[in-house]
Structures are given as C-alpha cells and as structure tokens.
C-alpha cells in the first residue's frame, strides 16, 4: 500500500482529532476502509521542526527512499558520515515515525511522499 506522511505545525485541537477519529470509526462500522492511513507528526512551531528535520536527516531519508532498506553502518558509509551520528539521526527519525525497522533489522523510509503543512494563522 502506498503511504504518505504528514508533518504539521500548529497541531489539530483535541476536539478536531476526536472528530476525525469518530468519522473514521463510523466509516469503519459501515465497512468503509480509509484510502490511506493518516500517519503524521505535529510540531509545536517551525523552529522545532527545523531543529528536528535537519538537512542531514533529510539526506538520510532521501537515500533510504531511493536505495531501499539499509543497515545503519552501510548507510553511514554511503553518506560518508560517522556511524554514531547516523545512528543518532535514525533514532530521532524512528521516534517521529519517518523511519521504520524492517523484519530483518534494516532501516527503511517507507513513505512515498512526506507532506509538510504549516498553518500561519489560527
């Protein structure tokens, strides 16, 4: 299944998230299956987003997407970066859901598209 990932700033309120949950729940009760699961992470502000998704971490995502799952050591070698730093980047990317470990212990960026949405006003 094709998967997309959403990055948002100014996350939905609990009321909005609850409404979305209820809509999906009711659809499921009627046998409807969502086209794609909603996979996302919300950041409090742009500064935190930029501190988290650094250019080097975006490069890690790009290489994993283009070349497929990889061992962290092989990825570090491919990127010409220190293993410890790449490992730290992978841990952060895993925590926010952008990188996953495969069944055979490799890391992968499983998303076809990452969409960032920045709401400038309430």
C-alpha atoms as a PDB file:
ATOM      1  CA  UNK A   1       0.000   0.000   0.000  1.00  0.00           C
ATOM      2  CA  UNK A   2       1.203   3.476  -0.877  1.00  0.00           C
ATOM      3  CA  UNK A   3       1.877   5.516   2.239  1.00  0.00           C
ATOM      4  CA  UNK A   4       2.147   9.244   2.764  1.00  0.00           C
ATOM      5  CA  UNK A   5       3.274  11.025   5.911  1.00  0.00           C
ATOM      6  CA  UNK A   6       2.098  14.449   7.074  1.00  0.00           C
ATOM      7  CA  UNK A   7       4.163  16.908   9.060  1.00  0.00           C
ATOM      8  CA  UNK A   8       2.141  19.644  10.673  1.00  0.00           C
ATOM      9  CA  UNK A   9       2.775  22.745  12.714  1.00  0.00           C
ATOM     10  CA  UNK A  10       0.017  24.013  14.955  1.00  0.00           C
ATOM     11  CA  UNK A  11      -1.490  20.607  15.527  1.00  0.00           C
ATOM     12  CA  UNK A  12      -5.221  19.992  15.463  1.00  0.00           C
ATOM     13  CA  UNK A  13      -7.028  20.535  18.744  1.00  0.00           C
ATOM     14  CA  UNK A  14      -8.150  17.562  20.793  1.00  0.00           C
ATOM     15  CA  UNK A  15     -11.683  18.323  19.610  1.00  0.00           C
ATOM     16  CA  UNK A  16     -10.601  18.194  15.937  1.00  0.00           C
ATOM     17  CA  UNK A  17      -8.646  14.970  16.468  1.00  0.00           C
ATOM     18  CA  UNK A  18     -11.619  13.459  18.273  1.00  0.00           C
ATOM     19  CA  UNK A  19     -13.924  14.419  15.397  1.00  0.00           C
ATOM     20  CA  UNK A  20     -11.536  12.830  12.885  1.00  0.00           C
ATOM     21  CA  UNK A  21     -11.405   9.652  14.990  1.00  0.00           C
ATOM     22  CA  UNK A  22     -15.198   9.455  15.227  1.00  0.00           C
ATOM     23  CA  UNK A  23     -15.571   9.938  11.450  1.00  0.00           C
ATOM     24  CA  UNK A  24     -13.106   7.110  10.758  1.00  0.00           C
ATOM     25  CA  UNK A  25     -14.813   4.923  13.381  1.00  0.00           C
ATOM     26  CA  UNK A  26     -18.271   5.436  11.831  1.00  0.00           C
ATOM     27  CA  UNK A  27     -16.912   4.736   8.353  1.00  0.00           C
ATOM     28  CA  UNK A  28     -15.329   1.504   9.632  1.00  0.00           C
ATOM     29  CA  UNK A  29     -18.647   0.466  11.186  1.00  0.00           C
ATOM     30  CA  UNK A  30     -20.188   0.740   7.721  1.00  0.00           C
ATOM     31  CA  UNK A  31     -17.429  -1.388   6.199  1.00  0.00           C
ATOM     32  CA  UNK A  32     -15.562   1.526   4.653  1.00  0.00           C
ATOM     33  CA  UNK A  33     -11.807   1.356   4.712  1.00  0.00           C
ATOM     34  CA  UNK A  34      -9.825   4.597   4.552  1.00  0.00           C
ATOM     35  CA  UNK A  35      -7.915   5.008   1.283  1.00  0.00           C
ATOM     36  CA  UNK A  36      -4.705   5.609   3.196  1.00  0.00           C
ATOM     37  CA  UNK A  37      -3.974   5.616   6.897  1.00  0.00           C
ATOM     38  CA  UNK A  38      -3.322   9.037   8.400  1.00  0.00           C
ATOM     39  CA  UNK A  39       0.278   8.958   9.521  1.00  0.00           C
ATOM     40  CA  UNK A  40       1.565  12.232  10.887  1.00  0.00           C
ATOM     41  CA  UNK A  41       3.598  14.087  13.414  1.00  0.00           C
ATOM     42  CA  UNK A  42       2.901  17.562  14.756  1.00  0.00           C
ATOM     43  CA  UNK A  43       5.477  20.101  15.855  1.00  0.00           C
ATOM     44  CA  UNK A  44       4.693  22.973  18.167  1.00  0.00           C
ATOM     45  CA  UNK A  45       6.421  25.508  15.934  1.00  0.00           C
ATOM     46  CA  UNK A  46       8.633  25.902  12.865  1.00  0.00           C
ATOM     47  CA  UNK A  47      11.801  26.266  14.950  1.00  0.00           C
ATOM     48  CA  UNK A  48      11.361  22.799  16.467  1.00  0.00           C
ATOM     49  CA  UNK A  49      10.565  21.305  13.049  1.00  0.00           C
ATOM     50  CA  UNK A  50      13.744  22.767  11.536  1.00  0.00           C
ATOM     51  CA  UNK A  51      15.827  21.612  14.519  1.00  0.00           C
ATOM     52  CA  UNK A  52      14.436  18.093  14.133  1.00  0.00           C
ATOM     53  CA  UNK A  53      14.424  17.666  10.362  1.00  0.00           C
ATOM     54  CA  UNK A  54      17.929  18.881   9.649  1.00  0.00           C
ATOM     55  CA  UNK A  55      19.395  18.775   6.133  1.00  0.00           C
ATOM     56  CA  UNK A  56      21.463  15.703   7.107  1.00  0.00           C
ATOM     57  CA  UNK A  57      18.380  13.860   8.361  1.00  0.00           C
ATOM     58  CA  UNK A  58      16.521  14.731   5.176  1.00  0.00           C
ATOM     59  CA  UNK A  59      19.516  13.333   3.266  1.00  0.00           C
ATOM     60  CA  UNK A  60      19.198  10.100   5.296  1.00  0.00           C
ATOM     61  CA  UNK A  61      15.510   9.885   4.348  1.00  0.00           C
ATOM     62  CA  UNK A  62      16.283  10.584   0.696  1.00  0.00           C
ATOM     63  CA  UNK A  63      18.964   7.892   0.454  1.00  0.00           C
ATOM     64  CA  UNK A  64      16.774   5.334   2.231  1.00  0.00           C
ATOM     65  CA  UNK A  65      13.870   6.150  -0.069  1.00  0.00           C
ATOM     66  CA  UNK A  66      15.963   5.991  -3.250  1.00  0.00           C
ATOM     67  CA  UNK A  67      18.052   2.934  -2.398  1.00  0.00           C
ATOM     68  CA  UNK A  68      15.765   0.972  -0.086  1.00  0.00           C
ATOM     69  CA  UNK A  69      16.309  -0.517   3.365  1.00  0.00           C
ATOM     70  CA  UNK A  70      19.834  -0.476   4.695  1.00  0.00           C
ATOM     71  CA  UNK A  71      21.965  -1.350   7.683  1.00  0.00           C
ATOM     72  CA  UNK A  72      22.942   1.790   9.600  1.00  0.00           C
ATOM     73  CA  UNK A  73      26.658   1.091   9.141  1.00  0.00           C
ATOM     74  CA  UNK A  74      26.230   0.734   5.358  1.00  0.00           C
ATOM     75  CA  UNK A  75      24.125   3.896   5.301  1.00  0.00           C
ATOM     76  CA  UNK A  76      26.805   5.827   7.208  1.00  0.00           C
ATOM     77  CA  UNK A  77      29.429   4.620   4.737  1.00  0.00           C
ATOM     78  CA  UNK A  78      27.237   5.606   1.780  1.00  0.00           C
ATOM     79  CA  UNK A  79      26.712   9.074   3.283  1.00  0.00           C
ATOM     80  CA  UNK A  80      30.407   9.384   4.242  1.00  0.00           C
ATOM     81  CA  UNK A  81      29.373  10.191   7.808  1.00  0.00           C
ATOM     82  CA  UNK A  82      30.322   8.870  11.218  1.00  0.00           C
ATOM     83  CA  UNK A  83      28.288   5.804  12.268  1.00  0.00           C
ATOM     84  CA  UNK A  84      27.415   7.333  15.677  1.00  0.00           C
ATOM     85  CA  UNK A  85      25.897  10.445  14.086  1.00  0.00           C
ATOM     86  CA  UNK A  86      23.889   8.490  11.520  1.00  0.00           C
ATOM     87  CA  UNK A  87      22.690   6.143  14.259  1.00  0.00           C
ATOM     88  CA  UNK A  88      21.521   9.145  16.316  1.00  0.00           C
ATOM     89  CA  UNK A  89      19.720  10.581  13.277  1.00  0.00           C
ATOM     90  CA  UNK A  90      17.998   7.236  12.667  1.00  0.00           C
ATOM     91  CA  UNK A  91      16.845   7.083  16.289  1.00  0.00           C
ATOM     92  CA  UNK A  92      15.270  10.542  16.030  1.00  0.00           C
ATOM     93  CA  UNK A  93      13.648   9.755  12.689  1.00  0.00           C
ATOM     94  CA  UNK A  94      12.273   6.495  14.137  1.00  0.00           C
ATOM     95  CA  UNK A  95      10.857   8.332  17.168  1.00  0.00           C
ATOM     96  CA  UNK A  96       8.826  10.662  14.965  1.00  0.00           C
ATOM     97  CA  UNK A  97       7.759   7.838  12.657  1.00  0.00           C
ATOM     98  CA  UNK A  98       9.640   8.653   9.457  1.00  0.00           C
ATOM     99  CA  UNK A  99      11.941   5.621   9.592  1.00  0.00           C
ATOM    100  CA  UNK A 100      10.992   2.057  10.476  1.00  0.00           C
ATOM    101  CA  UNK A 101      12.980  -1.073  11.185  1.00  0.00           C
ATOM    102  CA  UNK A 102      12.290  -3.947   8.813  1.00  0.00           C
ATOM    103  CA  UNK A 103      11.779  -7.552   9.895  1.00  0.00           C
ATOM    104  CA  UNK A 104      15.419  -8.321   9.109  1.00  0.00           C
ATOM    105  CA  UNK A 105      16.796  -5.430  11.178  1.00  0.00           C
ATOM    106  CA  UNK A 106      17.416  -2.905   8.416  1.00  0.00           C
ATOM    107  CA  UNK A 107      16.108   0.659   8.499  1.00  0.00           C
ATOM    108  CA  UNK A 108      13.710   1.954   5.859  1.00  0.00           C
ATOM    109  CA  UNK A 109      11.901   5.128   4.846  1.00  0.00           C
ATOM    110  CA  UNK A 110       8.592   3.573   3.768  1.00  0.00           C
ATOM    111  CA  UNK A 111       6.782   6.704   2.644  1.00  0.00           C
ATOM    112  CA  UNK A 112       6.294   7.692  -0.963  1.00  0.00           C
ATOM    113  CA  UNK A 113       5.626  11.281  -0.013  1.00  0.00           C
ATOM    114  CA  UNK A 114       6.135  13.487   3.043  1.00  0.00           C
ATOM    115  CA  UNK A 115       3.808  16.474   3.108  1.00  0.00           C
ATOM    116  CA  UNK A 116       4.608  19.418   5.384  1.00  0.00           C
ATOM    117  CA  UNK A 117       1.805  21.771   6.315  1.00  0.00           C
ATOM    118  CA  UNK A 118       2.499  24.998   8.148  1.00  0.00           C
ATOM    119  CA  UNK A 119      -0.506  26.934   9.384  1.00  0.00           C
ATOM    120  CA  UNK A 120       0.455  30.609   9.626  1.00  0.00           C
ATOM    121  CA  UNK A 121      -2.700  31.876  11.331  1.00  0.00           C
ATOM    122  CA  UNK A 122      -5.333  30.420  13.618  1.00  0.00           C
END
